[in-house]
Amino acid sequence: MIPIRDTAPCNTRPYVSWSLILICSLLFVALELAPDRIHRYVIFIYGMVPARYTNPEWALAMGYPTDYFLSFISNLFLHGGWVHLLMNMCFIWIFADNVEDRMGHGRFIVFYLLCGLIATLVQWVYTPEVVMPVVGASGAIAGVLGAYFFLYPYAKVVFWVPIFLLPLFFEIPAIAFIGVWVIFQMQKASTALMFYGGASDVALWAHLGGFVAGIALFRFFLRKDYPE
């Protein structure tokens, strides 16, 4: 199933959401076109490598700059592949515009980055020894989903089911879609914790941390002058 759009109305143009999609996409294309040496440098320096902060001696031996924490935010703008990028941008396109509408542009970008920061911190806490970079906007997007879950629970999410490329479209309530997404993340995270020490090839803890952060924080960022 491929999500296409939602049915919740949006009263303002989501300039911040569009800008996030543009920035992430341009950065990804630029890195894909860059030499491998530059690509690897950017991903490892500006992606969040948990062991870099857990084991300073190892980080120093590997040549990482010391006292450098920008990666807890910069990793939100980097992606590991086309599918990773397209899925995250699709989620921003569908869900972020409505949350931005309810918060306003300035409040929304602060909310987005704060959820992403918390998501990255949670990922670091649960996988402190991982030496591969954590990248992707999904932790911040999970915060957006947390807000959307309460703001638009009965909006419909429209899906395309590509059976023989036929135009088969279905609608399900957002509360069901996001609920299933959360259950899936929890199941995968529990399995990783029990059998792999919390490690996974997907930043599951960032997803869960961002979602909880979004639920806890979204009320503080809502516009008071939003038309009911």
N, C-alpha and C. Protein backbone atom coordinates (compact mmCIF):
# COMPACT_ATOMS: atom_id res chain seq x y z
N MET A 1 0.84 -1.19 0.00
CA MET A 1 0.00 0.00 0.00
C MET A 1 0.88 1.25 0.00
N ILE A 2 0.53 2.19 -0.85
CA ILE A 2 1.29 3.43 -0.97
C ILE A 2 0.38 4.59 -0.62
N PRO A 3 0.66 5.32 0.48
CA PRO A 3 -0.19 6.46 0.84
C PRO A 3 -0.05 7.57 -0.19
N ILE A 4 -1.17 8.16 -0.58
CA ILE A 4 -1.19 9.20 -1.62
C ILE A 4 -1.48 10.57 -1.04
N ARG A 5 -2.52 10.65 -0.21
CA ARG A 5 -2.93 11.94 0.36
C ARG A 5 -3.85 11.69 1.54
N ASP A 6 -4.18 12.78 2.23
CA ASP A 6 -5.20 12.69 3.28
C ASP A 6 -6.36 13.59 2.90
N THR A 7 -7.43 13.54 3.70
CA THR A 7 -8.62 14.33 3.39
C THR A 7 -8.81 15.51 4.32
N ALA A 8 -7.88 15.74 5.23
CA ALA A 8 -8.01 16.87 6.17
C ALA A 8 -7.76 18.18 5.43
N PRO A 9 -8.63 19.17 5.60
CA PRO A 9 -8.44 20.46 4.92
C PRO A 9 -7.27 21.23 5.50
N CYS A 10 -6.63 22.03 4.67
CA CYS A 10 -5.49 22.87 5.08
C CYS A 10 -5.79 24.29 4.65
N ASN A 11 -5.77 25.24 5.60
CA ASN A 11 -6.17 26.62 5.32
C ASN A 11 -5.02 27.52 4.91
N THR A 12 -3.79 27.09 5.07
CA THR A 12 -2.64 27.91 4.71
C THR A 12 -1.68 27.10 3.85
N ARG A 13 -0.82 27.78 3.15
CA ARG A 13 0.19 27.10 2.34
C ARG A 13 1.32 26.63 3.26
N PRO A 14 1.67 25.35 3.20
CA PRO A 14 2.68 24.80 4.14
C PRO A 14 4.10 25.05 3.65
N TYR A 15 4.54 26.29 3.73
CA TYR A 15 5.85 26.65 3.19
C TYR A 15 6.99 25.90 3.89
N VAL A 16 6.87 25.68 5.20
CA VAL A 16 7.94 24.99 5.92
C VAL A 16 8.01 23.52 5.47
N SER A 17 6.87 22.87 5.37
CA SER A 17 6.85 21.47 4.93
C SER A 17 7.43 21.34 3.54
N TRP A 18 7.03 22.23 2.64
CA TRP A 18 7.58 22.20 1.29
C TRP A 18 9.09 22.43 1.30
N SER A 19 9.53 23.35 2.16
CA SER A 19 10.97 23.63 2.24
C SER A 19 11.74 22.43 2.76
N LEU A 20 11.18 21.72 3.74
CA LEU A 20 11.84 20.52 4.25
C LEU A 20 11.99 19.47 3.16
N ILE A 21 10.95 19.28 2.37
CA ILE A 21 11.02 18.31 1.27
C ILE A 21 12.09 18.74 0.27
N LEU A 22 12.13 20.02 -0.05
CA LEU A 22 13.10 20.53 -1.03
C LEU A 22 14.53 20.38 -0.52
N ILE A 23 14.77 20.77 0.73
CA ILE A 23 16.13 20.71 1.29
C ILE A 23 16.62 19.26 1.36
N CYS A 24 15.79 18.37 1.88
CA CYS A 24 16.20 16.96 1.98
C CYS A 24 16.46 16.37 0.61
N SER A 25 15.61 16.70 -0.35
CA SER A 25 15.76 16.14 -1.70
C SER A 25 17.02 16.67 -2.38
N LEU A 26 17.26 17.98 -2.27
CA LEU A 26 18.45 18.56 -2.90
C LEU A 26 19.73 18.03 -2.27
N LEU A 27 19.74 17.90 -0.95
CA LEU A 27 20.92 17.35 -0.28
C LEU A 27 21.18 15.91 -0.72
N PHE A 28 20.13 15.14 -0.82
CA PHE A 28 20.30 13.75 -1.22
C PHE A 28 20.87 13.65 -2.64
N VAL A 29 20.29 14.41 -3.56
CA VAL A 29 20.77 14.38 -4.95
C VAL A 29 22.22 14.87 -5.02
N ALA A 30 22.54 15.93 -4.29
CA ALA A 30 23.90 16.45 -4.30
C ALA A 30 24.90 15.41 -3.81
N LEU A 31 24.54 14.68 -2.75
CA LEU A 31 25.44 13.66 -2.22
C LEU A 31 25.54 12.46 -3.16
N GLU A 32 24.45 12.15 -3.83
CA GLU A 32 24.49 11.05 -4.80
C GLU A 32 25.43 11.38 -5.97
N LEU A 33 25.51 12.64 -6.31
CA LEU A 33 26.37 13.07 -7.42
C LEU A 33 27.81 13.35 -6.98
N ALA A 34 28.01 13.48 -5.67
CA ALA A 34 29.34 13.81 -5.15
C ALA A 34 30.25 12.58 -5.17
N PRO A 35 31.56 12.78 -5.17
CA PRO A 35 32.48 11.64 -5.06
C PRO A 35 32.22 10.84 -3.79
N ASP A 36 32.53 9.55 -3.82
CA ASP A 36 32.26 8.68 -2.68
C ASP A 36 32.92 9.18 -1.40
N ARG A 37 34.11 9.75 -1.53
CA ARG A 37 34.83 10.23 -0.35
C ARG A 37 34.05 11.34 0.34
N ILE A 38 33.50 12.26 -0.43
CA ILE A 38 32.73 13.36 0.14
C ILE A 38 31.41 12.86 0.69
N HIS A 39 30.78 11.95 -0.05
CA HIS A 39 29.51 11.36 0.40
C HIS A 39 29.68 10.69 1.75
N ARG A 40 30.70 9.88 1.88
CA ARG A 40 30.95 9.16 3.12
C ARG A 40 31.27 10.13 4.25
N TYR A 41 32.07 11.15 3.97
CA TYR A 41 32.44 12.13 4.99
C TYR A 41 31.20 12.82 5.55
N VAL A 42 30.32 13.29 4.67
CA VAL A 42 29.13 14.02 5.10
C VAL A 42 28.22 13.11 5.93
N ILE A 43 28.02 11.88 5.48
CA ILE A 43 27.12 10.96 6.19
C ILE A 43 27.66 10.63 7.57
N PHE A 44 28.96 10.42 7.69
CA PHE A 44 29.52 10.02 8.98
C PHE A 44 29.75 11.21 9.92
N ILE A 45 29.98 12.40 9.38
CA ILE A 45 30.20 13.56 10.23
C ILE A 45 28.88 14.21 10.62
N TYR A 46 27.96 14.33 9.68
CA TYR A 46 26.69 15.02 9.94
C TYR A 46 25.55 14.05 10.26
N GLY A 47 25.76 12.75 10.06
CA GLY A 47 24.86 11.76 10.62
C GLY A 47 25.26 11.51 12.07
N MET A 48 24.32 11.00 12.87
CA MET A 48 24.61 10.79 14.29
C MET A 48 25.13 9.37 14.50
N VAL A 49 26.43 9.26 14.82
CA VAL A 49 27.05 7.97 15.12
C VAL A 49 27.04 7.80 16.64
N PRO A 50 26.21 6.91 17.19
CA PRO A 50 26.07 6.83 18.65
C PRO A 50 27.39 6.62 19.39
N ALA A 51 28.24 5.71 18.90
CA ALA A 51 29.50 5.42 19.60
C ALA A 51 30.42 6.63 19.68
N ARG A 52 30.22 7.56 18.79
CA ARG A 52 31.03 8.78 18.79
C ARG A 52 30.86 9.56 20.09
N TYR A 53 29.69 9.49 20.67
CA TYR A 53 29.40 10.24 21.89
C TYR A 53 29.48 9.37 23.14
N THR A 54 29.38 8.07 22.96
CA THR A 54 29.47 7.14 24.08
C THR A 54 30.92 6.81 24.41
N ASN A 55 31.75 6.74 23.39
CA ASN A 55 33.15 6.32 23.55
C ASN A 55 34.08 7.38 22.96
N PRO A 56 34.39 8.43 23.72
CA PRO A 56 35.22 9.52 23.19
C PRO A 56 36.59 9.06 22.70
N GLU A 57 37.18 8.06 23.37
CA GLU A 57 38.50 7.57 22.95
C GLU A 57 38.42 6.96 21.55
N TRP A 58 37.39 6.16 21.32
CA TRP A 58 37.20 5.58 19.99
C TRP A 58 36.97 6.67 18.95
N ALA A 59 36.13 7.66 19.31
CA ALA A 59 35.83 8.75 18.38
C ALA A 59 37.09 9.52 18.01
N LEU A 60 37.96 9.76 19.01
CA LEU A 60 39.20 10.47 18.75
C LEU A 60 40.11 9.67 17.84
N ALA A 61 40.19 8.36 18.09
CA ALA A 61 41.02 7.49 17.26
C ALA A 61 40.51 7.42 15.82
N MET A 62 39.18 7.55 15.64
CA MET A 62 38.59 7.49 14.30
C MET A 62 38.63 8.84 13.59
N GLY A 63 39.07 9.87 14.29
CA GLY A 63 39.22 11.18 13.67
C GLY A 63 37.99 12.06 13.73
N TYR A 64 37.03 11.73 14.59
CA TYR A 64 35.85 12.58 14.72
C TYR A 64 36.20 13.85 15.49
N PRO A 65 35.63 14.99 15.10
CA PRO A 65 35.83 16.21 15.89
C PRO A 65 35.27 16.04 17.29
N THR A 66 35.92 16.66 18.26
CA THR A 66 35.44 16.56 19.65
C THR A 66 34.44 17.67 19.94
N ASP A 67 33.61 17.43 20.97
CA ASP A 67 32.62 18.42 21.41
C ASP A 67 31.78 18.93 20.23
N TYR A 68 31.28 17.98 19.46
CA TYR A 68 30.55 18.32 18.24
C TYR A 68 29.20 17.63 18.27
N PHE A 69 28.11 18.40 18.44
CA PHE A 69 26.80 17.80 18.62
C PHE A 69 25.79 18.22 17.55
N LEU A 70 26.26 18.90 16.51
CA LEU A 70 25.37 19.32 15.44
C LEU A 70 24.68 18.13 14.78
N SER A 71 25.31 16.97 14.80
CA SER A 71 24.76 15.81 14.10
C SER A 71 23.41 15.36 14.67
N PHE A 72 23.09 15.75 15.92
CA PHE A 72 21.80 15.39 16.49
C PHE A 72 20.66 16.10 15.76
N ILE A 73 20.97 17.18 15.04
CA ILE A 73 19.98 17.87 14.22
C ILE A 73 20.23 17.63 12.73
N SER A 74 21.50 17.72 12.32
CA SER A 74 21.81 17.64 10.88
C SER A 74 21.45 16.28 10.29
N ASN A 75 21.42 15.23 11.13
CA ASN A 75 21.07 13.91 10.59
C ASN A 75 19.65 13.87 10.05
N LEU A 76 18.80 14.79 10.49
CA LEU A 76 17.40 14.81 10.07
C LEU A 76 17.25 15.19 8.59
N PHE A 77 18.30 15.73 8.00
CA PHE A 77 18.23 16.19 6.61
C PHE A 77 18.97 15.26 5.65
N LEU A 78 19.49 14.16 6.16
CA LEU A 78 20.24 13.21 5.35
C LEU A 78 19.47 11.90 5.24
N HIS A 79 19.66 11.17 4.13
CA HIS A 79 18.95 9.92 3.92
C HIS A 79 19.88 8.89 3.28
N GLY A 80 19.56 7.63 3.56
CA GLY A 80 20.46 6.55 3.16
C GLY A 80 20.17 5.93 1.82
N GLY A 81 19.10 6.31 1.14
CA GLY A 81 18.77 5.72 -0.15
C GLY A 81 17.50 6.34 -0.71
N TRP A 82 17.20 6.01 -1.97
CA TRP A 82 16.04 6.60 -2.62
C TRP A 82 14.73 6.22 -1.93
N VAL A 83 14.59 4.95 -1.56
CA VAL A 83 13.36 4.52 -0.91
C VAL A 83 13.19 5.23 0.44
N HIS A 84 14.28 5.31 1.19
CA HIS A 84 14.27 6.01 2.47
C HIS A 84 13.81 7.46 2.29
N LEU A 85 14.39 8.14 1.32
CA LEU A 85 14.03 9.53 1.06
C LEU A 85 12.58 9.66 0.63
N LEU A 86 12.15 8.86 -0.35
CA LEU A 86 10.81 9.00 -0.91
C LEU A 86 9.73 8.71 0.13
N MET A 87 9.94 7.70 0.97
CA MET A 87 8.96 7.40 2.00
C MET A 87 8.84 8.54 3.00
N ASN A 88 9.98 9.08 3.44
CA ASN A 88 9.93 10.18 4.41
C ASN A 88 9.30 11.43 3.81
N MET A 89 9.65 11.74 2.56
CA MET A 89 9.07 12.93 1.93
C MET A 89 7.58 12.75 1.69
N CYS A 90 7.16 11.53 1.40
CA CYS A 90 5.74 11.24 1.23
C CYS A 90 4.98 11.51 2.53
N PHE A 91 5.55 11.09 3.65
CA PHE A 91 4.91 11.31 4.94
C PHE A 91 4.84 12.80 5.29
N ILE A 92 5.90 13.55 4.98
CA ILE A 92 5.85 14.99 5.20
C ILE A 92 4.76 15.62 4.34
N TRP A 93 4.69 15.22 3.08
CA TRP A 93 3.71 15.76 2.14
C TRP A 93 2.28 15.52 2.63
N ILE A 94 2.02 14.35 3.17
CA ILE A 94 0.66 13.98 3.56
C ILE A 94 0.27 14.56 4.91
N PHE A 95 1.15 14.48 5.90
CA PHE A 95 0.76 14.78 7.28
C PHE A 95 1.25 16.13 7.80
N ALA A 96 2.41 16.59 7.34
CA ALA A 96 3.01 17.77 7.97
C ALA A 96 2.27 19.06 7.64
N ASP A 97 1.64 19.14 6.47
CA ASP A 97 0.99 20.39 6.09
C ASP A 97 -0.14 20.76 7.05
N ASN A 98 -0.91 19.77 7.48
CA ASN A 98 -2.01 20.05 8.40
C ASN A 98 -1.52 20.45 9.79
N VAL A 99 -0.45 19.80 10.26
CA VAL A 99 0.11 20.16 11.56
C VAL A 99 0.71 21.56 11.49
N GLU A 100 1.39 21.87 10.40
CA GLU A 100 1.92 23.22 10.21
C GLU A 100 0.79 24.25 10.18
N ASP A 101 -0.32 23.90 9.56
CA ASP A 101 -1.48 24.78 9.50
C ASP A 101 -1.99 25.11 10.89
N ARG A 102 -2.03 24.11 11.76
CA ARG A 102 -2.55 24.32 13.13
C ARG A 102 -1.55 25.04 14.03
N MET A 103 -0.27 24.98 13.70
CA MET A 103 0.75 25.59 14.55
C MET A 103 1.23 26.94 14.03
N GLY A 104 1.20 27.13 12.74
CA GLY A 104 1.86 28.28 12.14
C GLY A 104 3.28 27.90 11.75
N HIS A 105 3.85 28.63 10.81
CA HIS A 105 5.14 28.25 10.24
C HIS A 105 6.27 28.23 11.27
N GLY A 106 6.39 29.30 12.05
CA GLY A 106 7.49 29.38 13.01
C GLY A 106 7.41 28.33 14.10
N ARG A 107 6.23 28.18 14.69
CA ARG A 107 6.07 27.18 15.75
C ARG A 107 6.30 25.77 15.20
N PHE A 108 5.84 25.55 13.98
CA PHE A 108 5.96 24.20 13.42
C PHE A 108 7.41 23.78 13.24
N ILE A 109 8.26 24.66 12.71
CA ILE A 109 9.65 24.25 12.48
C ILE A 109 10.37 24.00 13.80
N VAL A 110 10.03 24.77 14.84
CA VAL A 110 10.62 24.51 16.16
C VAL A 110 10.14 23.15 16.68
N PHE A 111 8.84 22.90 16.56
CA PHE A 111 8.27 21.62 16.99
C PHE A 111 8.93 20.46 16.23
N TYR A 112 9.07 20.59 14.93
CA TYR A 112 9.66 19.55 14.08
C TYR A 112 11.09 19.23 14.51
N LEU A 113 11.90 20.27 14.66
CA LEU A 113 13.30 20.07 15.03
C LEU A 113 13.44 19.53 16.45
N LEU A 114 12.58 20.00 17.36
CA LEU A 114 12.64 19.52 18.73
C LEU A 114 12.27 18.04 18.81
N CYS A 115 11.23 17.63 18.09
CA CYS A 115 10.88 16.21 18.06
C CYS A 115 12.01 15.39 17.45
N GLY A 116 12.64 15.91 16.40
CA GLY A 116 13.75 15.21 15.79
C GLY A 116 14.94 15.08 16.72
N LEU A 117 15.23 16.14 17.47
CA LEU A 117 16.32 16.11 18.43
C LEU A 117 16.06 15.06 19.52
N ILE A 118 14.84 15.07 20.07
CA ILE A 118 14.50 14.09 21.10
C ILE A 118 14.56 12.68 20.54
N ALA A 119 14.07 12.49 19.33
CA ALA A 119 14.10 11.17 18.69
C ALA A 119 15.54 10.67 18.55
N THR A 120 16.44 11.55 18.13
CA THR A 120 17.84 11.16 17.97
C THR A 120 18.48 10.82 19.31
N LEU A 121 18.15 11.60 20.34
CA LEU A 121 18.67 11.32 21.68
C LEU A 121 18.19 9.95 22.18
N VAL A 122 16.93 9.64 21.96
CA VAL A 122 16.39 8.34 22.38
C VAL A 122 17.11 7.21 21.64
N GLN A 123 17.34 7.41 20.35
CA GLN A 123 18.06 6.39 19.58
C GLN A 123 19.46 6.17 20.15
N TRP A 124 20.12 7.25 20.51
CA TRP A 124 21.47 7.14 21.09
C TRP A 124 21.43 6.39 22.42
N VAL A 125 20.44 6.68 23.25
CA VAL A 125 20.34 6.02 24.57
C VAL A 125 20.16 4.52 24.42
N TYR A 126 19.37 4.09 23.45
CA TYR A 126 19.07 2.67 23.30
C TYR A 126 20.09 1.92 22.47
N THR A 127 20.86 2.62 21.65
CA THR A 127 21.89 1.94 20.85
C THR A 127 23.22 2.69 20.98
N PRO A 128 23.78 2.77 22.18
CA PRO A 128 24.93 3.65 22.42
C PRO A 128 26.24 3.19 21.77
N GLU A 129 26.33 1.92 21.41
CA GLU A 129 27.60 1.41 20.89
C GLU A 129 27.62 1.28 19.37
N VAL A 130 26.55 1.65 18.70
CA VAL A 130 26.47 1.51 17.24
C VAL A 130 27.47 2.46 16.58
N VAL A 131 28.20 1.94 15.59
CA VAL A 131 29.23 2.73 14.93
C VAL A 131 28.82 3.21 13.54
N MET A 132 27.59 2.88 13.13
CA MET A 132 27.08 3.36 11.85
C MET A 132 26.21 4.59 12.08
N PRO A 133 26.20 5.52 11.12
CA PRO A 133 25.45 6.76 11.32
C PRO A 133 23.94 6.57 11.26
N VAL A 134 23.24 7.25 12.14
CA VAL A 134 21.78 7.32 12.11
C VAL A 134 21.41 8.55 11.29
N VAL A 135 20.67 8.35 10.21
CA VAL A 135 20.26 9.46 9.35
C VAL A 135 18.79 9.32 9.00
N GLY A 136 18.17 10.44 8.67
CA GLY A 136 16.80 10.41 8.20
C GLY A 136 15.88 11.30 9.00
N ALA A 137 14.82 11.75 8.34
CA ALA A 137 13.85 12.66 8.96
C ALA A 137 12.78 11.93 9.74
N SER A 138 12.84 10.61 9.79
CA SER A 138 11.71 9.85 10.32
C SER A 138 11.43 10.10 11.80
N GLY A 139 12.44 10.43 12.60
CA GLY A 139 12.19 10.74 14.00
C GLY A 139 11.35 12.00 14.16
N ALA A 140 11.69 13.04 13.39
CA ALA A 140 10.90 14.28 13.42
C ALA A 140 9.52 14.04 12.83
N ILE A 141 9.45 13.24 11.76
CA ILE A 141 8.16 12.92 11.14
C ILE A 141 7.28 12.16 12.12
N ALA A 142 7.88 11.28 12.93
CA ALA A 142 7.12 10.57 13.95
C ALA A 142 6.47 11.54 14.92
N GLY A 143 7.17 12.64 15.25
CA GLY A 143 6.58 13.67 16.09
C GLY A 143 5.38 14.31 15.42
N VAL A 144 5.48 14.54 14.11
CA VAL A 144 4.35 15.07 13.35
C VAL A 144 3.17 14.09 13.39
N LEU A 145 3.46 12.80 13.26
CA LEU A 145 2.40 11.79 13.33
C LEU A 145 1.73 11.79 14.70
N GLY A 146 2.52 11.99 15.76
CA GLY A 146 1.96 12.05 17.10
C GLY A 146 0.97 13.20 17.23
N ALA A 147 1.32 14.36 16.66
CA ALA A 147 0.41 15.50 16.69
C ALA A 147 -0.82 15.23 15.82
N TYR A 148 -0.61 14.70 14.64
CA TYR A 148 -1.71 14.44 13.71
C TYR A 148 -2.69 13.43 14.31
N PHE A 149 -2.18 12.46 15.04
CA PHE A 149 -3.00 11.41 15.65
C PHE A 149 -4.10 12.01 16.52
N PHE A 150 -3.79 13.10 17.22
CA PHE A 150 -4.77 13.73 18.10
C PHE A 150 -5.53 14.87 17.43
N LEU A 151 -4.91 15.52 16.47
CA LEU A 151 -5.55 16.66 15.81
C LEU A 151 -6.54 16.24 14.73
N TYR A 152 -6.22 15.15 14.02
CA TYR A 152 -7.06 14.71 12.89
C TYR A 152 -7.28 13.20 12.93
N PRO A 153 -7.79 12.67 14.03
CA PRO A 153 -7.89 11.20 14.14
C PRO A 153 -8.83 10.56 13.11
N TYR A 154 -9.85 11.30 12.68
CA TYR A 154 -10.84 10.71 11.79
C TYR A 154 -10.72 11.18 10.35
N ALA A 155 -9.65 11.93 10.05
CA ALA A 155 -9.35 12.21 8.65
C ALA A 155 -9.01 10.90 7.95
N LYS A 156 -9.25 10.84 6.66
CA LYS A 156 -8.98 9.62 5.90
C LYS A 156 -7.62 9.72 5.22
N VAL A 157 -6.89 8.62 5.21
CA VAL A 157 -5.65 8.50 4.45
C VAL A 157 -5.95 7.66 3.22
N VAL A 158 -5.67 8.20 2.05
CA VAL A 158 -5.97 7.53 0.79
C VAL A 158 -4.75 6.74 0.34
N PHE A 159 -4.97 5.45 0.02
CA PHE A 159 -3.89 4.55 -0.40
C PHE A 159 -4.11 4.07 -1.82
N TRP A 160 -3.01 3.87 -2.50
CA TRP A 160 -3.04 3.17 -3.79
C TRP A 160 -2.46 1.78 -3.56
N VAL A 161 -3.22 0.77 -3.95
CA VAL A 161 -2.75 -0.61 -3.87
C VAL A 161 -2.38 -1.04 -5.28
N PRO A 162 -1.07 -1.12 -5.60
CA PRO A 162 -0.64 -1.35 -6.98
C PRO A 162 -0.73 -2.81 -7.42
N ILE A 163 -1.94 -3.32 -7.55
CA ILE A 163 -2.16 -4.68 -8.05
C ILE A 163 -2.25 -4.61 -9.56
N PHE A 164 -1.24 -5.16 -10.24
CA PHE A 164 -1.16 -5.11 -11.71
C PHE A 164 -1.27 -3.68 -12.23
N LEU A 165 -0.79 -2.72 -11.42
CA LEU A 165 -0.78 -1.30 -11.76
C LEU A 165 -2.18 -0.73 -11.98
N LEU A 166 -3.21 -1.41 -11.46
CA LEU A 166 -4.57 -0.90 -11.57
C LEU A 166 -4.80 0.25 -10.59
N PRO A 167 -5.67 1.20 -10.94
CA PRO A 167 -5.94 2.34 -10.04
C PRO A 167 -6.89 1.96 -8.91
N LEU A 168 -6.40 1.16 -7.98
CA LEU A 168 -7.20 0.72 -6.85
C LEU A 168 -6.87 1.58 -5.64
N PHE A 169 -7.84 2.41 -5.22
CA PHE A 169 -7.62 3.33 -4.13
C PHE A 169 -8.55 2.99 -2.96
N PHE A 170 -8.01 3.11 -1.75
CA PHE A 170 -8.78 2.82 -0.55
C PHE A 170 -8.55 3.93 0.46
N GLU A 171 -9.49 4.08 1.39
CA GLU A 171 -9.37 5.05 2.46
C GLU A 171 -9.48 4.36 3.81
N ILE A 172 -8.63 4.77 4.75
CA ILE A 172 -8.76 4.30 6.13
C ILE A 172 -8.58 5.50 7.05
N PRO A 173 -9.19 5.48 8.23
CA PRO A 173 -9.02 6.61 9.16
C PRO A 173 -7.55 6.76 9.58
N ALA A 174 -7.14 8.00 9.76
CA ALA A 174 -5.76 8.27 10.17
C ALA A 174 -5.43 7.61 11.49
N ILE A 175 -6.41 7.55 12.41
CA ILE A 175 -6.16 6.95 13.71
C ILE A 175 -5.80 5.48 13.57
N ALA A 176 -6.38 4.79 12.57
CA ALA A 176 -6.07 3.38 12.33
C ALA A 176 -4.70 3.24 11.68
N PHE A 177 -4.43 4.08 10.68
CA PHE A 177 -3.14 4.00 9.98
C PHE A 177 -1.98 4.27 10.94
N ILE A 178 -2.07 5.36 11.70
CA ILE A 178 -0.98 5.72 12.61
C ILE A 178 -0.89 4.71 13.75
N GLY A 179 -2.05 4.23 14.22
CA GLY A 179 -2.04 3.21 15.27
C GLY A 179 -1.33 1.94 14.85
N VAL A 180 -1.61 1.48 13.63
CA VAL A 180 -0.93 0.28 13.12
C VAL A 180 0.57 0.56 12.97
N TRP A 181 0.91 1.76 12.51
CA TRP A 181 2.33 2.13 12.36
C TRP A 181 3.05 2.06 13.71
N VAL A 182 2.42 2.58 14.76
CA VAL A 182 3.04 2.58 16.09
C VAL A 182 3.19 1.15 16.60
N ILE A 183 2.16 0.34 16.44
CA ILE A 183 2.24 -1.07 16.89
C ILE A 183 3.36 -1.79 16.17
N PHE A 184 3.50 -1.55 14.88
CA PHE A 184 4.58 -2.17 14.11
C PHE A 184 5.95 -1.74 14.63
N GLN A 185 6.12 -0.46 14.93
CA GLN A 185 7.40 0.04 15.46
C GLN A 185 7.70 -0.60 16.82
N MET A 186 6.68 -0.71 17.67
CA MET A 186 6.87 -1.29 19.00
C MET A 186 7.24 -2.77 18.90
N GLN A 187 6.58 -3.48 17.98
CA GLN A 187 6.88 -4.90 17.82
C GLN A 187 8.32 -5.10 17.34
N LYS A 188 8.73 -4.30 16.34
CA LYS A 188 10.09 -4.42 15.82
C LYS A 188 11.12 -4.01 16.87
N ALA A 189 10.83 -2.96 17.63
CA ALA A 189 11.77 -2.50 18.66
C ALA A 189 11.89 -3.53 19.78
N SER A 190 10.78 -4.15 20.17
CA SER A 190 10.82 -5.18 21.22
C SER A 190 11.64 -6.38 20.77
N THR A 191 11.47 -6.77 19.51
CA THR A 191 12.25 -7.89 18.97
C THR A 191 13.73 -7.55 18.96
N ALA A 192 14.05 -6.32 18.53
CA ALA A 192 15.46 -5.90 18.50
C ALA A 192 16.05 -5.88 19.90
N LEU A 193 15.26 -5.44 20.89
CA LEU A 193 15.76 -5.35 22.25
C LEU A 193 16.00 -6.74 22.85
N MET A 194 15.11 -7.69 22.55
CA MET A 194 15.21 -9.03 23.14
C MET A 194 16.31 -9.86 22.50
N PHE A 195 16.50 -9.70 21.18
CA PHE A 195 17.40 -10.61 20.47
C PHE A 195 18.68 -9.96 19.94
N TYR A 196 18.69 -8.64 19.79
CA TYR A 196 19.84 -7.97 19.18
C TYR A 196 20.37 -6.82 20.01
N GLY A 197 20.04 -6.79 21.30
CA GLY A 197 20.54 -5.74 22.16
C GLY A 197 20.04 -4.36 21.81
N GLY A 198 18.89 -4.28 21.14
CA GLY A 198 18.31 -3.00 20.76
C GLY A 198 18.71 -2.52 19.39
N ALA A 199 19.72 -3.14 18.77
CA ALA A 199 20.21 -2.69 17.47
C ALA A 199 19.27 -3.13 16.36
N SER A 200 19.20 -2.34 15.31
CA SER A 200 18.37 -2.64 14.15
C SER A 200 18.88 -1.83 12.98
N ASP A 201 18.55 -2.27 11.75
CA ASP A 201 18.95 -1.49 10.58
C ASP A 201 18.00 -0.32 10.34
N VAL A 202 16.97 -0.20 11.16
CA VAL A 202 16.03 0.93 11.12
C VAL A 202 16.07 1.62 12.49
N ALA A 203 15.99 2.95 12.48
CA ALA A 203 16.06 3.71 13.74
C ALA A 203 14.72 3.64 14.46
N LEU A 204 14.38 2.46 14.96
CA LEU A 204 13.08 2.23 15.58
C LEU A 204 12.89 3.07 16.83
N TRP A 205 13.95 3.21 17.62
CA TRP A 205 13.84 3.97 18.87
C TRP A 205 13.64 5.45 18.58
N ALA A 206 14.22 5.93 17.49
CA ALA A 206 13.97 7.31 17.08
C ALA A 206 12.51 7.50 16.69
N HIS A 207 11.95 6.52 16.01
CA HIS A 207 10.54 6.60 15.62
C HIS A 207 9.65 6.70 16.86
N LEU A 208 9.88 5.79 17.80
CA LEU A 208 9.04 5.78 19.01
C LEU A 208 9.28 7.02 19.87
N GLY A 209 10.54 7.42 20.02
CA GLY A 209 10.85 8.61 20.79
C GLY A 209 10.25 9.86 20.19
N GLY A 210 10.32 9.98 18.86
CA GLY A 210 9.74 11.13 18.19
C GLY A 210 8.23 11.16 18.33
N PHE A 211 7.60 9.99 18.22
CA PHE A 211 6.14 9.92 18.34
C PHE A 211 5.67 10.35 19.72
N VAL A 212 6.33 9.84 20.76
CA VAL A 212 5.97 10.22 22.12
C VAL A 212 6.23 11.71 22.34
N ALA A 213 7.33 12.22 21.81
CA ALA A 213 7.62 13.65 21.94
C ALA A 213 6.54 14.48 21.27
N GLY A 214 6.09 14.06 20.10
CA GLY A 214 5.03 14.79 19.40
C GLY A 214 3.75 14.83 20.19
N ILE A 215 3.38 13.69 20.80
CA ILE A 215 2.17 13.64 21.62
C ILE A 215 2.29 14.56 22.83
N ALA A 216 3.47 14.56 23.45
CA ALA A 216 3.66 15.34 24.67
C ALA A 216 3.75 16.84 24.41
N LEU A 217 4.24 17.23 23.23
CA LEU A 217 4.58 18.63 23.00
C LEU A 217 3.62 19.40 22.11
N PHE A 218 2.84 18.73 21.28
CA PHE A 218 2.12 19.47 20.23
C PHE A 218 1.17 20.52 20.78
N ARG A 219 0.58 20.28 21.94
CA ARG A 219 -0.38 21.23 22.51
C ARG A 219 0.25 22.59 22.81
N PHE A 220 1.54 22.59 23.10
CA PHE A 220 2.23 23.83 23.44
C PHE A 220 2.57 24.67 22.21
N PHE A 221 2.37 24.11 21.02
CA PHE A 221 2.75 24.80 19.79
C PHE A 221 1.55 25.20 18.93
N LEU A 222 0.35 24.88 19.36
CA LEU A 222 -0.83 25.19 18.57
C LEU A 222 -1.11 26.69 18.57
N ARG A 223 -1.58 27.18 17.41
CA ARG A 223 -1.99 28.57 17.29
C ARG A 223 -3.23 28.82 18.13
N LYS A 224 -3.24 29.91 18.86
CA LYS A 224 -4.43 30.28 19.64
C LYS A 224 -5.48 30.97 18.77
N ASP A 225 -5.04 31.49 17.60
CA ASP A 225 -5.97 32.20 16.72
C ASP A 225 -6.45 31.33 15.58
N TYR A 226 -6.29 29.99 15.69
CA TYR A 226 -6.70 29.13 14.58
C TYR A 226 -8.22 29.14 14.45
N PRO A 227 -8.76 29.36 13.25
CA PRO A 227 -10.23 29.40 13.07
C PRO A 227 -10.84 28.02 13.29
N GLU A 228 -11.81 27.94 14.13
CA GLU A 228 -12.48 26.67 14.43
C GLU A 228 -13.55 26.38 13.38
